[in-house]
């Protein structure tokens, strides 16, 4: 494994979900609590940032630059990592800025990040300009890709799969939200390295299945090769369900609202409106369809995102 900078509270626990399992009358449900990784409300990006922050320090960086939506969990955790280690942080955000700032966007400000708003189509250009401006200001910027999803960031979930094996957990299925692909790519490589024999199923949050399979396979292959593993992944190796995209990225519908309520009321487990709520909605629907076999164990990998519950636009939908 590559070197990392310890940030996360690891290992994260695995918990049974007996009341939800009984309610849905399907497989035995477990959850892996990566919402408890500890960095400014935690989440899956903290695992990635352990490796990305090490690389940034090795490069002599004093400024982190990344991009995401206005309620980005990735940006929140990147800003927190920067604050923890005394670095500046510049966030390029797309979407309508809430007034006043709330949820993740409030935390962006509390953590001291500089925020630049732009249209989604202009994100890459704004990132380039932010990097050049930082250099002109005499800083040493380190650009972290969207979602922390490159071979360095994906290493966080290679390590996470090794951690799961060390915990003695061998579920038949792992289900989780997939978007920028780094979490799923790391899991695929980690499965190879740990000998995991189950199925890894990503519930797409925003991308069509074909596109997501290709990007995850490519990233998994590059991640494996960075570790000296000679395995090549193809799109056929990547399991994705894209039937739950609904109204699109960050648009919460009735399925997400039901999932948020059921997970909270039956297990006191808080899932968010964008990522884990959508994946939870997909999991619930697949159970109701009989997709999983009786007697199987399904692990819902909770990737965090809890602060988004407190965004005003989502609160109004949840409380209808």
Protein backbone atom coordinates (compact mmCIF):
# COMPACT_ATOMS: atom_id res chain seq x y z
CA UNK A 1 0.00 0.00 0.00
CA UNK A 2 0.98 3.62 -0.53
CA UNK A 3 1.85 5.84 2.45
CA UNK A 4 -0.95 7.88 4.00
CA UNK A 5 -1.46 10.60 6.56
CA UNK A 6 -3.61 9.27 9.45
CA UNK A 7 -6.75 11.39 9.64
CA UNK A 8 -9.76 9.08 9.83
CA UNK A 9 -11.11 7.28 12.88
CA UNK A 10 -10.45 3.71 11.76
CA UNK A 11 -11.57 1.02 11.64
CA UNK A 12 -15.15 2.17 11.24
CA UNK A 13 -17.66 -0.18 12.87
CA UNK A 14 -19.93 -2.65 11.13
CA UNK A 15 -23.41 -2.77 12.65
CA UNK A 16 -26.43 -5.01 12.10
CA UNK A 17 -29.73 -3.47 10.98
CA UNK A 18 -32.20 -5.99 12.47
CA UNK A 19 -35.33 -3.84 12.56
CA UNK A 20 -34.95 -2.72 8.95
CA UNK A 21 -34.18 -6.30 7.89
CA UNK A 22 -37.40 -7.47 9.56
CA UNK A 23 -39.46 -4.65 8.09
CA UNK A 24 -38.31 -5.37 4.53
CA UNK A 25 -38.46 -9.17 4.98
CA UNK A 26 -35.42 -9.65 2.79
CA UNK A 27 -31.71 -10.30 3.31
CA UNK A 28 -29.83 -9.71 6.55
CA UNK A 29 -28.70 -6.09 6.49
CA UNK A 30 -25.45 -4.70 7.87
CA UNK A 31 -23.94 -1.23 7.58
CA UNK A 32 -20.31 -0.08 7.48
CA UNK A 33 -20.24 3.28 9.26
CA UNK A 34 -17.98 5.47 7.15
CA UNK A 35 -20.15 8.36 8.26
CA UNK A 36 -18.06 8.06 11.43
CA UNK A 37 -14.61 8.64 9.95
CA UNK A 38 -14.40 11.72 12.15
CA UNK A 39 -13.27 14.63 9.96
CA UNK A 40 -15.86 17.45 10.21
CA UNK A 41 -18.80 14.98 10.36
CA UNK A 42 -16.85 12.33 8.46
CA UNK A 43 -17.66 10.46 5.27
CA UNK A 44 -15.94 8.40 2.61
CA UNK A 45 -13.77 11.25 1.33
CA UNK A 46 -11.78 11.23 4.57
CA UNK A 47 -10.30 7.86 3.62
CA UNK A 48 -9.26 9.26 0.24
CA UNK A 49 -7.84 12.39 1.82
CA UNK A 50 -5.44 10.36 3.96
CA UNK A 51 -3.57 9.48 0.76
CA UNK A 52 -4.18 12.76 -1.06
CA UNK A 53 -2.96 14.83 1.89
CA UNK A 54 0.22 12.76 2.12
CA UNK A 55 0.83 13.37 -1.58
CA UNK A 56 0.13 17.09 -1.16
CA UNK A 57 2.61 17.39 1.70
CA UNK A 58 5.23 15.44 -0.25
CA UNK A 59 4.76 17.91 -3.11
CA UNK A 60 5.38 20.84 -0.74
CA UNK A 61 1.87 22.21 -1.17
CA UNK A 62 0.43 24.86 1.09
CA UNK A 63 -2.95 25.25 -0.66
CA UNK A 64 -5.59 22.65 -1.57
CA UNK A 65 -7.87 23.36 -4.52
CA UNK A 66 -10.88 21.25 -5.48
CA UNK A 67 -14.43 21.48 -6.83
CA UNK A 68 -17.93 20.23 -6.17
CA UNK A 69 -21.57 21.16 -5.75
CA UNK A 70 -22.63 23.81 -3.26
CA UNK A 71 -23.45 21.10 -0.69
CA UNK A 72 -20.39 18.99 -1.53
CA UNK A 73 -19.30 16.50 1.12
CA UNK A 74 -15.96 16.19 -0.65
CA UNK A 75 -15.35 19.92 -0.46
CA UNK A 76 -16.35 20.01 3.21
CA UNK A 77 -13.89 17.26 4.11
CA UNK A 78 -11.13 18.76 1.94
CA UNK A 79 -11.57 22.11 3.68
CA UNK A 80 -11.42 20.31 7.03
CA UNK A 81 -8.23 18.46 6.10
CA UNK A 82 -6.65 21.74 5.02
CA UNK A 83 -7.61 23.38 8.30
CA UNK A 84 -6.31 20.42 10.32
CA UNK A 85 -2.87 20.70 8.75
CA UNK A 86 -2.56 24.46 8.42
CA UNK A 87 -3.10 24.74 4.68
CA UNK A 88 -5.22 27.16 2.69
CA UNK A 89 -8.20 25.81 0.75
CA UNK A 90 -9.93 27.10 -2.38
CA UNK A 91 -13.27 25.56 -3.39
CA UNK A 92 -14.83 25.99 -6.83
CA UNK A 93 -18.55 25.34 -6.32
CA UNK A 94 -21.48 25.07 -8.71
CA UNK A 95 -25.16 25.46 -7.84
CA UNK A 96 -27.22 28.17 -6.18
CA UNK A 97 -25.54 29.50 -3.01
CA UNK A 98 -27.97 29.29 -0.05
CA UNK A 99 -28.59 32.55 1.77
CA UNK A 100 -27.70 32.31 4.56
CA UNK A 101 -25.18 29.49 4.10
CA UNK A 102 -26.43 26.21 5.54
CA UNK A 103 -25.41 22.56 5.98
CA UNK A 104 -22.15 21.70 4.17
CA UNK A 105 -21.85 25.20 2.74
CA UNK A 106 -21.95 26.69 6.22
CA UNK A 107 -19.13 24.33 7.16
CA UNK A 108 -17.09 25.42 4.12
CA UNK A 109 -17.10 28.92 5.61
CA UNK A 110 -16.48 27.80 9.19
CA UNK A 111 -13.47 25.78 8.05
CA UNK A 112 -11.92 28.86 6.45
CA UNK A 113 -12.16 27.92 2.78
CA UNK A 114 -12.18 30.52 0.03
CA UNK A 115 -15.23 29.86 -2.15
CA UNK A 116 -15.58 30.62 -5.87
CA UNK A 117 -19.01 30.08 -7.45
CA UNK A 118 -19.39 29.25 -11.12
CA UNK A 119 -21.62 27.45 -13.61
CA UNK A 120 -21.10 23.70 -13.77
CA UNK A 121 -19.90 24.00 -17.37
CA UNK A 122 -17.13 26.38 -16.26
CA UNK A 123 -15.76 24.34 -13.34
CA UNK A 124 -12.63 23.04 -15.10
CA UNK A 125 -11.74 26.48 -16.41
CA UNK A 126 -12.23 28.03 -12.97
CA UNK A 127 -10.05 25.34 -11.39
CA UNK A 128 -7.24 26.12 -13.84
CA UNK A 129 -7.57 29.83 -13.13
CA UNK A 130 -7.57 29.21 -9.36
CA UNK A 131 -4.37 27.16 -9.63
CA UNK A 132 -2.66 29.83 -11.73
CA UNK A 133 -3.80 32.63 -9.41
CA UNK A 134 -2.50 30.75 -6.36
CA UNK A 135 0.88 30.35 -8.05
CA UNK A 136 0.90 34.04 -8.95
CA UNK A 137 0.24 34.80 -5.28
CA UNK A 138 3.37 32.85 -4.35
CA UNK A 139 1.52 29.78 -3.08
CA UNK A 140 2.12 26.09 -3.82
CA UNK A 141 -1.27 24.70 -4.87
CA UNK A 142 -2.25 21.04 -5.00
CA UNK A 143 -5.25 20.22 -7.18
CA UNK A 144 -7.52 17.45 -5.90
CA UNK A 145 -9.88 16.06 -8.56
CA UNK A 146 -13.66 16.01 -8.24
CA UNK A 147 -14.58 13.56 -5.49
CA UNK A 148 -10.91 12.83 -4.81
CA UNK A 149 -11.27 10.19 -7.50
CA UNK A 150 -7.86 9.38 -8.93
CA UNK A 151 -5.51 6.46 -8.22
CA UNK A 152 -4.18 8.21 -5.11
CA UNK A 153 -7.63 8.87 -3.64
CA UNK A 154 -8.99 5.46 -4.64
CA UNK A 155 -6.31 3.94 -2.41
CA UNK A 156 -8.56 4.84 0.53
CA UNK A 157 -11.04 2.17 -0.49
CA UNK A 158 -8.40 -0.39 -1.33
CA UNK A 159 -7.40 -0.05 2.31
CA UNK A 160 -11.07 -0.05 3.38
CA UNK A 161 -11.66 -3.47 1.81
CA UNK A 162 -8.59 -4.84 3.57
CA UNK A 163 -10.01 -3.38 6.78
CA UNK A 164 -13.36 -5.09 6.19
CA UNK A 165 -11.60 -8.44 5.75
CA UNK A 166 -9.64 -7.87 8.96
CA UNK A 167 -12.95 -7.31 10.74
CA UNK A 168 -13.98 -10.81 9.65
CA UNK A 169 -16.83 -9.53 7.49
CA UNK A 170 -17.66 -11.38 4.28
CA UNK A 171 -21.09 -10.15 3.10
CA UNK A 172 -22.62 -11.54 -0.07
CA UNK A 173 -23.24 -8.01 -1.34
CA UNK A 174 -21.84 -4.54 -0.71
CA UNK A 175 -24.20 -1.72 -1.76
CA UNK A 176 -23.29 1.99 -1.72
CA UNK A 177 -23.69 5.23 -3.72
CA UNK A 178 -21.38 5.66 -6.71
CA UNK A 179 -20.73 8.89 -8.60
CA UNK A 180 -17.17 10.05 -9.33
CA UNK A 181 -16.04 6.41 -9.16
CA UNK A 182 -13.14 6.51 -6.72
CA UNK A 183 -14.88 4.59 -3.94
CA UNK A 184 -16.06 1.81 -6.24
CA UNK A 185 -12.73 1.57 -8.07
CA UNK A 186 -10.85 1.25 -4.79
CA UNK A 187 -13.27 -1.41 -3.59
CA UNK A 188 -12.72 -3.48 -6.73
CA UNK A 189 -8.95 -3.40 -6.29
CA UNK A 190 -9.26 -4.05 -2.56
CA UNK A 191 -11.54 -7.01 -3.25
CA UNK A 192 -8.85 -8.55 -5.46
CA UNK A 193 -6.19 -7.99 -2.84
CA UNK A 194 -8.26 -9.23 0.12
CA UNK A 195 -9.85 -12.21 -1.61
CA UNK A 196 -13.39 -10.88 -1.18
CA UNK A 197 -15.78 -13.18 -3.07
CA UNK A 198 -19.03 -11.21 -2.87
CA UNK A 199 -20.61 -8.68 -5.23
CA UNK A 200 -19.89 -4.94 -5.17
CA UNK A 201 -22.92 -2.98 -6.39
CA UNK A 202 -22.83 0.77 -6.91
CA UNK A 203 -26.11 2.69 -7.00
CA UNK A 204 -25.47 5.51 -9.43
CA UNK A 205 -26.26 8.93 -8.03
CA UNK A 206 -26.03 10.78 -11.33
CA UNK A 207 -24.20 8.97 -14.14
CA UNK A 208 -25.66 6.54 -16.72
CA UNK A 209 -24.58 2.99 -15.92
CA UNK A 210 -22.51 2.48 -19.09
CA UNK A 211 -20.51 5.66 -18.52
CA UNK A 212 -19.95 4.90 -14.83
CA UNK A 213 -18.86 1.31 -15.52
CA UNK A 214 -16.25 2.50 -18.00
CA UNK A 215 -14.85 5.20 -15.73
CA UNK A 216 -14.72 2.90 -12.68
CA UNK A 217 -13.02 0.11 -14.67
CA UNK A 218 -10.40 2.54 -16.00
CA UNK A 219 -9.71 4.03 -12.56
CA UNK A 220 -9.57 0.59 -10.92
CA UNK A 221 -7.04 -0.57 -13.51
CA UNK A 222 -4.85 2.50 -13.00
CA UNK A 223 -5.11 2.14 -9.23
CA UNK A 224 -4.12 -1.53 -9.34
CA UNK A 225 -1.13 -0.78 -11.56
CA UNK A 226 0.03 1.98 -9.24
CA UNK A 227 0.27 -0.78 -6.61
CA UNK A 228 2.12 -3.14 -8.91
CA UNK A 229 -0.91 -5.35 -9.42
CA UNK A 230 -1.14 -6.66 -12.98
CA UNK A 231 -4.93 -6.90 -13.10
CA UNK A 232 -7.00 -5.16 -15.78
CA UNK A 233 -10.64 -4.37 -15.09
CA UNK A 234 -13.31 -4.15 -17.78
CA UNK A 235 -16.72 -2.52 -17.69
CA UNK A 236 -18.22 -6.00 -17.29
CA UNK A 237 -16.46 -6.29 -13.92
CA UNK A 238 -18.32 -3.25 -12.57
CA UNK A 239 -21.86 -3.64 -11.21
CA UNK A 240 -23.99 -0.49 -11.39
CA UNK A 241 -27.69 0.24 -11.09
CA UNK A 242 -28.77 3.55 -12.59
CA UNK A 243 -32.55 3.17 -12.23
CA UNK A 244 -32.62 5.42 -9.17
CA UNK A 245 -31.22 8.67 -10.60
CA UNK A 246 -34.74 10.14 -10.54
CA UNK A 247 -34.74 13.87 -11.14
CA UNK A 248 -30.95 14.00 -11.37
CA UNK A 249 -28.04 14.94 -9.14
CA UNK A 250 -29.06 16.48 -5.81
CA UNK A 251 -32.78 16.38 -6.72
CA UNK A 252 -34.52 14.56 -3.90
CA UNK A 253 -37.68 12.61 -4.68
CA UNK A 254 -40.21 10.54 -2.78
CA UNK A 255 -37.97 7.44 -2.84
CA UNK A 256 -35.15 9.25 -1.07
CA UNK A 257 -37.56 10.76 1.47
CA UNK A 258 -38.95 7.31 2.28
CA UNK A 259 -35.44 5.86 2.64
CA UNK A 260 -34.33 8.71 4.92
CA UNK A 261 -37.38 8.22 7.12
CA UNK A 262 -37.16 4.41 7.28
CA UNK A 263 -33.46 4.33 8.12
CA UNK A 264 -33.99 6.97 10.81
CA UNK A 265 -37.17 5.56 12.35
CA UNK A 266 -36.11 1.90 12.35
CA UNK A 267 -32.34 2.08 12.96
CA UNK A 268 -31.60 5.66 14.08
CA UNK A 269 -29.29 5.78 11.07
CA UNK A 270 -29.15 9.12 9.27
CA UNK A 271 -28.65 9.05 5.51
CA UNK A 272 -28.39 12.13 3.32
CA UNK A 273 -30.63 13.39 0.49
CA UNK A 274 -28.05 13.13 -2.32
CA UNK A 275 -25.82 10.07 -1.95
CA UNK A 276 -26.64 7.62 0.82
CA UNK A 277 -30.36 8.42 0.67
CA UNK A 278 -30.44 7.58 -3.02
CA UNK A 279 -28.44 4.40 -2.51
CA UNK A 280 -30.68 3.44 0.42
CA UNK A 281 -33.74 3.99 -1.77
CA UNK A 282 -32.21 1.72 -4.40
CA UNK A 283 -31.42 -0.91 -1.77
CA UNK A 284 -34.98 -0.85 -0.45
CA UNK A 285 -36.45 -1.19 -3.94
CA UNK A 286 -34.12 -4.06 -4.86
CA UNK A 287 -35.12 -5.91 -1.68
CA UNK A 288 -38.81 -5.41 -2.49
CA UNK A 289 -38.18 -6.76 -6.00
CA UNK A 290 -36.57 -9.91 -4.56
CA UNK A 291 -33.23 -9.05 -6.18
CA UNK A 292 -31.29 -10.54 -3.25
CA UNK A 293 -31.66 -14.19 -2.29
CA UNK A 294 -33.15 -15.30 1.01
CA UNK A 295 -30.42 -15.87 3.54
CA UNK A 296 -27.93 -13.52 1.87
CA UNK A 297 -26.15 -10.80 3.80
CA UNK A 298 -26.09 -7.32 2.31
CA UNK A 299 -23.75 -4.65 3.68
CA UNK A 300 -24.86 -1.07 3.09
CA UNK A 301 -21.65 0.96 3.07
CA UNK A 302 -22.63 4.30 4.61
CA UNK A 303 -20.43 6.88 2.88
CA UNK A 304 -21.61 9.83 4.98
CA UNK A 305 -23.15 13.10 3.87
CA UNK A 306 -25.19 13.72 7.02
CA UNK A 307 -24.77 17.55 7.07
CA UNK A 308 -26.80 17.85 3.85
CA UNK A 309 -29.90 16.88 5.84
CA UNK A 310 -29.76 20.38 7.30
CA UNK A 311 -29.93 22.19 3.96
CA UNK A 312 -33.11 24.22 3.88
CA UNK A 313 -34.21 23.00 0.46
CA UNK A 314 -34.10 19.37 1.64
CA UNK A 315 -35.69 20.00 5.03
CA UNK A 316 -38.80 21.35 3.36
CA UNK A 317 -39.15 18.17 1.28
CA UNK A 318 -38.48 15.78 4.17
CA UNK A 319 -40.99 17.49 6.47
CA UNK A 320 -43.87 17.64 3.98
